[in-house]
Every structure is written in C-alpha cells, then in structure tokens.
Amino acid sequence: MSSPTVNSPLAAIAAPGVEKPVVVRANVLDPRPWTRRLAAAVVIGYAIVSLIPLVWIFLTGLRTPQDSIAYPPRIVAPVSATGYVNLFTTRTRVTPEQFAALPPPATWYEQITREQQMIIAGPSRFADRYVNSLVVGFGSTFLSVFLGTLAAYGFSRFRVPGRDDWMFFILSTRMMPPIAVAIPIFLMYRALGLSDTYLGLILLYTVVNLSLSVWLLKGFMDEIPREYEEAALVDGYTRWQAFLRVVLPQAATGIATTAIFCLIFSWNEYAFALLLTSGNAQTAPPFIPIIIGEGGLDWPAMAAGTTLFLLPVLCFTVLLRKHLLRGITFGAIRR
C-alpha cells in the first residue's frame, strides 16, 4: 500500500511540522453581520420616530405663541420662556392708561408678561395640580405593589381553594374599560363623600392596578425556588421572616417592574380624574388641556406643562431601568 503524499489533505494533517487547518464552526445562534446591521437600523428608526413627538413638544414649550402655530411649521425658532411663564402665572389685561402708569418690571418673568401687554394677577393652579399627581400617583403605586406582593405570595406558596378561579376573577377586572363603570363609581363616591379627595383617587387607582400587580408578581414569585424558604425555616426563621429576608430581596426585580407599570397608569389616568375631581384633588392630566391663552389654547404653556409632567415617570423609569430590563426577561430561560 502506497503511503499518502504530502500534498494530500490526510498527509497535511498527519505529517509532523505541518500546520493544521483551522476549522471554524459557525454558531447558529450568532447573528450574521448584515442581520445585526438591519436590526440596528430598525431599532434606531423606531427610536427616532418615537422621539420626534417628544422633541417637538419640548421645542414648542420654548417658543412664543406666534411661533408655535406658524404655518408652515418652523423647525428653528427663537427660544422663549413665555410658555413656562404662562404656565405658572395667571395674567390679565389693563387699560392703556393703567399699563403706562405701571412701574418698571422687577423680574424677568414679569418682563415677559409685559411684552404681551399683560400683567401678572397671581400664580396659576398648575403647581397644585402637579403636587396632586405626585401624591395620587406614587400613593396608589405603593399600595398596589404592597397589596399585590402579599396576594401574589399567598397564591404562589399556599394552596388556596379555587386559586385558578380567583386568579381569573382578578384578571377579569382588567377586561372591562374603566370608563364603562365611571357612572356607578361617580354615584358611589358622591354618596360616600369621596369625590374630589386624595383618598378617593388613591383607592380607585389602587383597585384598578391591583389585578395587574397580582398577576405580574405571581409570575415572579413562582420563579423563586421554594428551597430558599425551606432552608430559612429550617434555620429557625418564621414564615414572615423568611418572606422579608429571603423572598422579598429575590423579588426586587419584579417589584420594581410592577411599580413602573402601575405608576404609568396612575400618572396618565385622565377619565376618572376628570369625572371625580374638580378642584382640591384634581391632577395634572385634566388641567393641562384647558390652559387657555389669548385667542384660544396656549400651546407653549400646554407643551411646557406636558414636558414637566413627563419628568417624574421618566426619572423613575431611568432609576429602575436595570430592574425593568431584568424583569422583562426574568424566567425566559430555565436552568
């Protein structure tokens, strides 16, 4: 039998001193370069389309009323704080004689008002409505997450009679649009004296958010191994101590994710806030669309109020973004 020549592939592998060929194995899970570029283009395009309205709202808040309604729209316009001044102040007109007799403006915002041939009559109600939104939004979010965590732990760890039926009943409360029960709730709140109160809105938003909170947190609780609690109970912990020191830290990701979703609903809710409040407990969403300027809607003031209204939810989401990303993918891969 003749020996293989050096030029043959077998001889190249077997012969000493000859460099072995490198075998590259492609991983089917690794995306190809063109796939990555396509995905990046789609994500960037979606981000641009999503951010254009927000950027336009921000720019409108820094324009004059004339520039905000100019046609065709002006992309580049002089920066003005008129919208923010009109948002936080109440203005009125005086006669030309009274306007001429006024002393020089003492502040920059008074100067802006004088340029509109008006004077400041006092502060607006936006600051009060903004504080109301903070109290109602974060108060209802805390209660929804607190009660939802306890309920989700009970459904996940204990044998509750009719558990599936109860879970479906809880979920069914989200199937009906909230505005469909607005009239019965309005009549009930008027009879109980809860109309136009912080307590009334907080309780209502808590009830609406509770079904979402229970369902989301139960999924997170189910992913936490029971062995952790069993080991804690063997070490002498009570059930409550095991929940606080073992389960709760493990469920922090789910709690943060649920809190973000609950806050977004409570913060943006419009229909109930419009129907059940009028003055004392009115939140920002019903107030911003009725900001009236000279000759109609004051678009720069509305845009300024919308910009400020977005900040708390934006900051809250950014602070918890790591938990949010982990919460979305939590339990996707089981070991």
Protein backbone atom coordinates (compact mmCIF):
# COMPACT_ATOMS: atom_id res chain seq x y z
CA MET A 1 0.00 0.00 0.00
CA SER A 2 1.48 3.32 -1.03
CA SER A 3 1.94 5.95 1.63
CA PRO A 4 -0.03 9.19 1.24
CA THR A 5 1.78 12.03 -0.41
CA VAL A 6 2.49 15.23 1.44
CA ASN A 7 0.21 17.11 -0.95
CA SER A 8 -2.84 15.13 0.18
CA PRO A 9 -5.11 16.57 2.94
CA LEU A 10 -4.55 13.46 5.07
CA ALA A 11 -0.81 13.89 4.91
CA ALA A 12 -1.11 17.57 5.80
CA ILE A 13 -2.91 16.63 8.98
CA ALA A 14 -0.74 13.66 9.93
CA ALA A 15 2.67 14.91 8.87
CA PRO A 16 4.72 16.42 11.71
CA GLY A 17 5.66 20.06 11.42
CA VAL A 18 2.85 20.84 9.05
CA GLU A 19 0.37 23.49 10.25
CA LYS A 20 -3.09 22.04 10.81
CA PRO A 21 -6.00 23.73 9.09
CA VAL A 22 -8.24 25.84 11.28
CA VAL A 23 -11.80 24.58 11.41
CA VAL A 24 -14.32 27.36 12.04
CA ARG A 25 -17.67 26.25 13.33
CA ALA A 26 -20.50 28.71 12.88
CA ASN A 27 -22.91 29.14 15.77
CA VAL A 28 -26.48 29.23 14.56
CA LEU A 29 -27.39 31.48 17.49
CA ASP A 30 -24.90 34.20 16.50
CA PRO A 31 -26.49 36.69 14.10
CA ARG A 32 -24.73 37.43 10.87
CA PRO A 33 -23.23 40.89 10.31
CA TRP A 34 -25.95 42.01 7.91
CA THR A 35 -28.60 40.84 10.37
CA ARG A 36 -27.06 42.91 13.15
CA ARG A 37 -26.91 45.95 10.91
CA LEU A 38 -30.53 45.50 9.86
CA ALA A 39 -31.66 45.11 13.47
CA ALA A 40 -29.69 48.20 14.50
CA ALA A 41 -31.26 50.21 11.66
CA VAL A 42 -34.77 49.12 12.68
CA VAL A 43 -34.16 49.98 16.36
CA ILE A 44 -32.65 53.38 15.51
CA GLY A 45 -35.51 54.16 13.11
CA TYR A 46 -38.11 53.20 15.70
CA ALA A 47 -36.36 55.31 18.35
CA ILE A 48 -36.30 58.35 16.05
CA VAL A 49 -39.98 58.01 15.15
CA SER A 50 -40.88 57.62 18.85
CA LEU A 51 -38.79 60.60 19.97
CA ILE A 52 -39.92 63.08 17.32
CA PRO A 53 -43.25 63.94 19.11
CA LEU A 54 -41.46 64.33 22.45
CA VAL A 55 -38.78 66.56 20.96
CA TRP A 56 -41.43 68.64 19.21
CA ILE A 57 -43.36 69.09 22.47
CA PHE A 58 -40.17 70.16 24.24
CA LEU A 59 -39.35 72.68 21.48
CA THR A 60 -42.91 74.04 21.45
CA GLY A 61 -42.61 74.82 25.16
CA LEU A 62 -39.63 77.06 24.35
CA ARG A 63 -41.38 79.12 21.65
CA THR A 64 -43.68 82.10 21.54
CA PRO A 65 -47.40 81.58 20.88
CA GLN A 66 -46.95 83.01 17.38
CA ASP A 67 -44.11 80.63 16.50
CA SER A 68 -45.95 77.62 17.92
CA ILE A 69 -48.82 77.97 15.44
CA ALA A 70 -46.81 79.23 12.46
CA TYR A 71 -47.53 77.57 9.10
CA PRO A 72 -45.52 76.00 7.66
CA PRO A 73 -44.07 74.86 10.98
CA ARG A 74 -40.79 76.48 11.94
CA ILE A 75 -38.12 73.97 12.85
CA VAL A 76 -35.74 76.64 14.12
CA ALA A 77 -37.26 79.47 16.12
CA PRO A 78 -36.06 81.91 18.79
CA VAL A 79 -36.03 80.45 22.29
CA SER A 80 -38.56 81.99 24.65
CA ALA A 81 -39.69 81.19 28.20
CA THR A 82 -43.19 82.55 27.52
CA GLY A 83 -44.75 79.09 27.75
CA TYR A 84 -43.34 78.38 31.22
CA VAL A 85 -44.25 81.88 32.45
CA ASN A 86 -47.82 81.48 31.20
CA LEU A 87 -47.98 78.02 32.76
CA PHE A 88 -47.15 79.15 36.29
CA THR A 89 -48.90 82.53 36.29
CA THR A 90 -52.36 83.99 35.78
CA ARG A 91 -52.33 87.10 33.59
CA THR A 92 -54.82 89.85 32.90
CA ARG A 93 -55.14 92.93 30.73
CA VAL A 94 -55.45 96.50 31.92
CA THR A 95 -56.35 99.71 30.17
CA PRO A 96 -53.62 101.54 28.23
CA GLU A 97 -53.57 104.29 30.85
CA GLN A 98 -53.08 101.79 33.68
CA PHE A 99 -50.43 99.91 31.69
CA ALA A 100 -48.49 103.13 31.04
CA ALA A 101 -48.62 104.04 34.74
CA LEU A 102 -47.09 100.73 35.87
CA PRO A 103 -43.59 100.76 37.40
CA PRO A 104 -40.77 99.00 35.54
CA PRO A 105 -40.88 95.18 35.77
CA ALA A 106 -38.97 93.83 38.74
CA THR A 107 -38.35 90.28 37.44
CA TRP A 108 -37.57 88.61 34.13
CA TYR A 109 -40.87 86.77 34.02
CA GLU A 110 -42.74 89.99 34.66
CA GLN A 111 -40.86 91.49 31.74
CA ILE A 112 -42.03 88.64 29.50
CA THR A 113 -45.61 89.27 30.60
CA ARG A 114 -45.29 92.99 29.91
CA GLU A 115 -44.12 92.20 26.37
CA GLN A 116 -47.54 90.57 25.86
CA GLN A 117 -49.19 93.80 27.04
CA MET A 118 -50.43 92.00 30.17
CA ILE A 119 -49.70 91.92 33.89
CA ILE A 120 -49.40 89.05 36.36
CA ALA A 121 -52.51 88.69 38.51
CA GLY A 122 -51.16 85.79 40.59
CA PRO A 123 -49.90 82.21 40.42
CA SER A 124 -51.70 79.58 38.39
CA ARG A 125 -53.09 76.30 39.71
CA PHE A 126 -50.61 74.09 37.82
CA ALA A 127 -48.24 73.67 40.79
CA ASP A 128 -51.08 72.44 43.00
CA ARG A 129 -52.28 70.02 40.31
CA TYR A 130 -48.73 68.77 39.85
CA VAL A 131 -48.39 68.03 43.57
CA ASN A 132 -51.75 66.25 43.48
CA SER A 133 -50.46 63.99 40.69
CA LEU A 134 -47.37 63.15 42.75
CA VAL A 135 -49.42 62.28 45.84
CA VAL A 136 -52.05 60.23 44.00
CA GLY A 137 -49.66 58.55 41.55
CA PHE A 138 -47.00 57.41 44.00
CA GLY A 139 -49.51 56.71 46.78
CA SER A 140 -51.60 54.38 44.64
CA THR A 141 -48.47 52.75 43.23
CA PHE A 142 -47.18 51.97 46.71
CA LEU A 143 -50.49 50.44 47.79
CA SER A 144 -50.86 48.44 44.57
CA VAL A 145 -47.39 46.96 44.85
CA PHE A 146 -47.67 46.33 48.61
CA LEU A 147 -51.02 44.55 48.43
CA GLY A 148 -50.12 42.82 45.17
CA THR A 149 -46.92 41.41 46.67
CA LEU A 150 -48.75 39.89 49.61
CA ALA A 151 -51.53 38.47 47.44
CA ALA A 152 -49.08 37.09 44.86
CA TYR A 153 -47.03 35.40 47.59
CA GLY A 154 -50.15 33.78 49.01
CA PHE A 155 -51.31 32.49 45.61
CA SER A 156 -47.81 31.25 44.79
CA ARG A 157 -46.92 29.48 48.03
CA PHE A 158 -50.18 28.29 49.60
CA ARG A 159 -52.96 26.03 48.46
CA VAL A 160 -55.82 28.46 48.05
CA PRO A 161 -59.19 26.80 47.32
CA GLY A 162 -60.29 27.78 43.84
CA ARG A 163 -57.00 29.51 43.15
CA ASP A 164 -57.39 29.42 39.38
CA ASP A 165 -60.91 30.81 39.62
CA TRP A 166 -59.78 33.60 41.90
CA MET A 167 -56.89 34.46 39.61
CA PHE A 168 -59.24 34.61 36.62
CA PHE A 169 -61.65 36.79 38.57
CA ILE A 170 -58.82 39.17 39.43
CA LEU A 171 -57.72 39.27 35.80
CA SER A 172 -61.28 39.83 34.56
CA THR A 173 -61.37 43.20 36.30
CA ARG A 174 -58.91 44.44 33.65
CA MET A 175 -61.04 43.25 30.76
CA MET A 176 -63.66 45.95 31.20
CA PRO A 177 -62.65 49.51 30.23
CA PRO A 178 -62.53 51.63 33.40
CA ILE A 179 -64.72 54.31 31.84
CA ALA A 180 -67.52 51.73 31.49
CA VAL A 181 -68.02 51.80 35.27
CA ALA A 182 -67.46 55.54 35.64
CA ILE A 183 -71.10 56.43 36.33
CA PRO A 184 -71.63 53.83 39.12
CA ILE A 185 -68.34 54.86 40.71
CA PHE A 186 -69.30 58.53 40.47
CA LEU A 187 -72.62 57.87 42.24
CA MET A 188 -70.95 55.70 44.88
CA TYR A 189 -68.23 58.29 45.55
CA ARG A 190 -70.79 61.07 45.84
CA ALA A 191 -72.76 59.06 48.40
CA LEU A 192 -69.62 58.23 50.41
CA GLY A 193 -68.14 61.70 50.24
CA LEU A 194 -65.02 60.56 48.37
CA SER A 195 -65.44 62.87 45.37
CA ASP A 196 -62.60 65.34 44.86
CA THR A 197 -60.42 63.76 47.58
CA TYR A 198 -56.95 62.25 47.59
CA LEU A 199 -58.25 59.13 49.31
CA GLY A 200 -60.88 58.54 46.65
CA LEU A 201 -58.44 58.66 43.73
CA ILE A 202 -55.78 56.63 45.54
CA LEU A 203 -58.24 53.88 46.42
CA LEU A 204 -59.67 53.80 42.90
CA TYR A 205 -56.28 53.65 41.16
CA THR A 206 -55.13 51.01 43.64
CA VAL A 207 -58.10 48.78 42.85
CA VAL A 208 -57.61 49.17 39.10
CA ASN A 209 -53.88 48.44 39.31
CA LEU A 210 -54.18 45.58 41.78
CA SER A 211 -55.10 42.94 39.20
CA LEU A 212 -52.05 43.81 37.09
CA SER A 213 -49.86 43.85 40.18
CA VAL A 214 -51.04 40.43 41.40
CA TRP A 215 -50.60 38.74 38.03
CA LEU A 216 -47.15 40.17 37.35
CA LEU A 217 -45.80 39.49 40.83
CA LYS A 218 -47.21 35.96 40.98
CA GLY A 219 -45.15 35.11 37.91
CA PHE A 220 -42.03 36.41 39.64
CA MET A 221 -42.86 34.59 42.88
CA ASP A 222 -43.28 31.30 41.02
CA GLU A 223 -39.74 31.64 39.64
CA ILE A 224 -38.18 31.90 43.11
CA PRO A 225 -37.22 28.38 44.32
CA ARG A 226 -39.10 27.18 47.37
CA GLU A 227 -35.88 25.62 48.69
CA TYR A 228 -34.69 29.06 49.80
CA GLU A 229 -37.63 29.46 52.14
CA GLU A 230 -37.43 25.88 53.34
CA ALA A 231 -33.78 26.38 54.27
CA ALA A 232 -34.67 29.56 56.13
CA LEU A 233 -37.48 27.81 58.01
CA VAL A 234 -35.09 25.01 58.98
CA ASP A 235 -32.68 27.63 60.33
CA GLY A 236 -35.38 28.89 62.68
CA TYR A 237 -36.92 31.72 60.67
CA THR A 238 -40.65 32.28 60.87
CA ARG A 239 -42.72 32.38 57.69
CA TRP A 240 -42.88 36.18 57.86
CA GLN A 241 -39.13 36.49 58.44
CA ALA A 242 -38.41 34.14 55.54
CA PHE A 243 -40.66 36.26 53.33
CA LEU A 244 -38.98 39.53 54.32
CA ARG A 245 -35.36 38.35 54.30
CA VAL A 246 -35.36 35.71 51.58
CA VAL A 247 -38.26 36.08 49.17
CA LEU A 248 -38.58 39.85 49.08
CA PRO A 249 -34.95 40.55 48.06
CA GLN A 250 -35.24 37.89 45.33
CA ALA A 251 -38.45 39.53 44.06
CA ALA A 252 -36.99 43.05 43.93
CA THR A 253 -36.76 42.91 40.16
CA GLY A 254 -40.43 42.00 39.79
CA ILE A 255 -41.50 44.61 42.34
CA ALA A 256 -39.62 47.36 40.50
CA THR A 257 -41.08 46.31 37.15
CA THR A 258 -44.61 46.21 38.55
CA ALA A 259 -44.16 49.59 40.22
CA ILE A 260 -43.21 51.19 36.90
CA PHE A 261 -46.31 49.87 35.12
CA CYS A 262 -48.60 50.85 37.98
CA LEU A 263 -47.13 54.35 38.17
CA ILE A 264 -47.52 54.87 34.41
CA PHE A 265 -51.24 54.05 34.61
CA SER A 266 -51.88 56.17 37.71
CA TRP A 267 -49.84 59.07 36.38
CA ASN A 268 -51.52 59.21 32.96
CA GLU A 269 -55.11 58.41 34.00
CA TYR A 270 -57.48 61.04 32.65
CA ALA A 271 -61.11 59.89 32.66
CA PHE A 272 -61.58 59.21 36.39
CA ALA A 273 -59.57 62.28 37.36
CA LEU A 274 -61.79 64.43 35.13
CA LEU A 275 -65.05 62.91 36.40
CA LEU A 276 -64.33 62.57 40.11
CA THR A 277 -62.33 65.75 40.80
CA SER A 278 -62.94 69.42 40.25
CA GLY A 279 -60.62 71.46 42.46
CA ASN A 280 -58.94 70.15 45.59
CA ALA A 281 -57.66 66.78 44.32
CA GLN A 282 -57.60 67.43 40.57
CA THR A 283 -54.46 66.05 38.94
CA ALA A 284 -52.43 67.48 36.07
CA PRO A 285 -53.91 65.46 33.13
CA PRO A 286 -57.36 67.14 33.26
CA PHE A 287 -55.79 70.55 33.91
CA ILE A 288 -53.21 70.76 31.12
CA PRO A 289 -55.66 70.59 28.16
CA ILE A 290 -57.72 73.53 29.49
CA ILE A 291 -54.88 76.05 29.68
CA ILE A 292 -56.41 78.95 27.77
CA GLY A 293 -54.34 81.77 26.36
CA GLU A 294 -55.21 84.90 24.44
CA GLY A 295 -57.31 83.89 21.46
CA GLY A 296 -57.53 80.18 22.28
CA LEU A 297 -55.34 77.40 23.58
CA ASP A 298 -51.94 78.44 24.85
CA TRP A 299 -49.85 75.82 23.04
CA PRO A 300 -46.45 76.80 24.51
CA ALA A 301 -47.89 76.62 28.04
CA MET A 302 -49.51 73.26 27.30
CA ALA A 303 -46.23 71.94 25.87
CA ALA A 304 -44.31 73.24 28.89
CA GLY A 305 -46.76 71.54 31.25
CA THR A 306 -46.51 68.29 29.27
CA THR A 307 -42.71 68.42 29.41
CA LEU A 308 -42.72 68.87 33.18
CA PHE A 309 -45.40 66.20 33.51
CA LEU A 310 -43.16 63.62 31.79
CA LEU A 311 -40.19 64.16 34.09
CA PRO A 312 -41.23 62.14 37.21
CA VAL A 313 -42.14 59.00 35.26
CA LEU A 314 -39.03 59.39 33.10
CA CYS A 315 -36.75 59.74 36.13
CA PHE A 316 -38.47 56.86 37.94
CA THR A 317 -38.09 54.59 34.91
CA VAL A 318 -34.45 55.55 34.36
CA LEU A 319 -33.61 54.85 38.00
CA LEU A 320 -35.18 51.39 37.79
CA ARG A 321 -34.21 50.62 34.18
CA LYS A 322 -31.87 47.77 35.17
CA HIS A 323 -34.64 46.09 37.12
CA LEU A 324 -37.06 46.70 34.26
CA LEU A 325 -34.83 45.01 31.68
CA ARG A 326 -34.17 42.09 34.00
CA GLY A 327 -37.86 41.85 34.86
CA ILE A 328 -38.95 41.61 31.23
CA THR A 329 -36.61 38.66 30.60
CA PHE A 330 -36.98 37.07 34.05
CA GLY A 331 -37.79 33.40 33.76
CA ALA A 332 -37.25 33.29 30.00
CA ILE A 333 -34.54 30.63 30.34
CA ARG A 334 -34.84 27.91 32.97
CA ARG A 335 -31.79 26.11 34.21
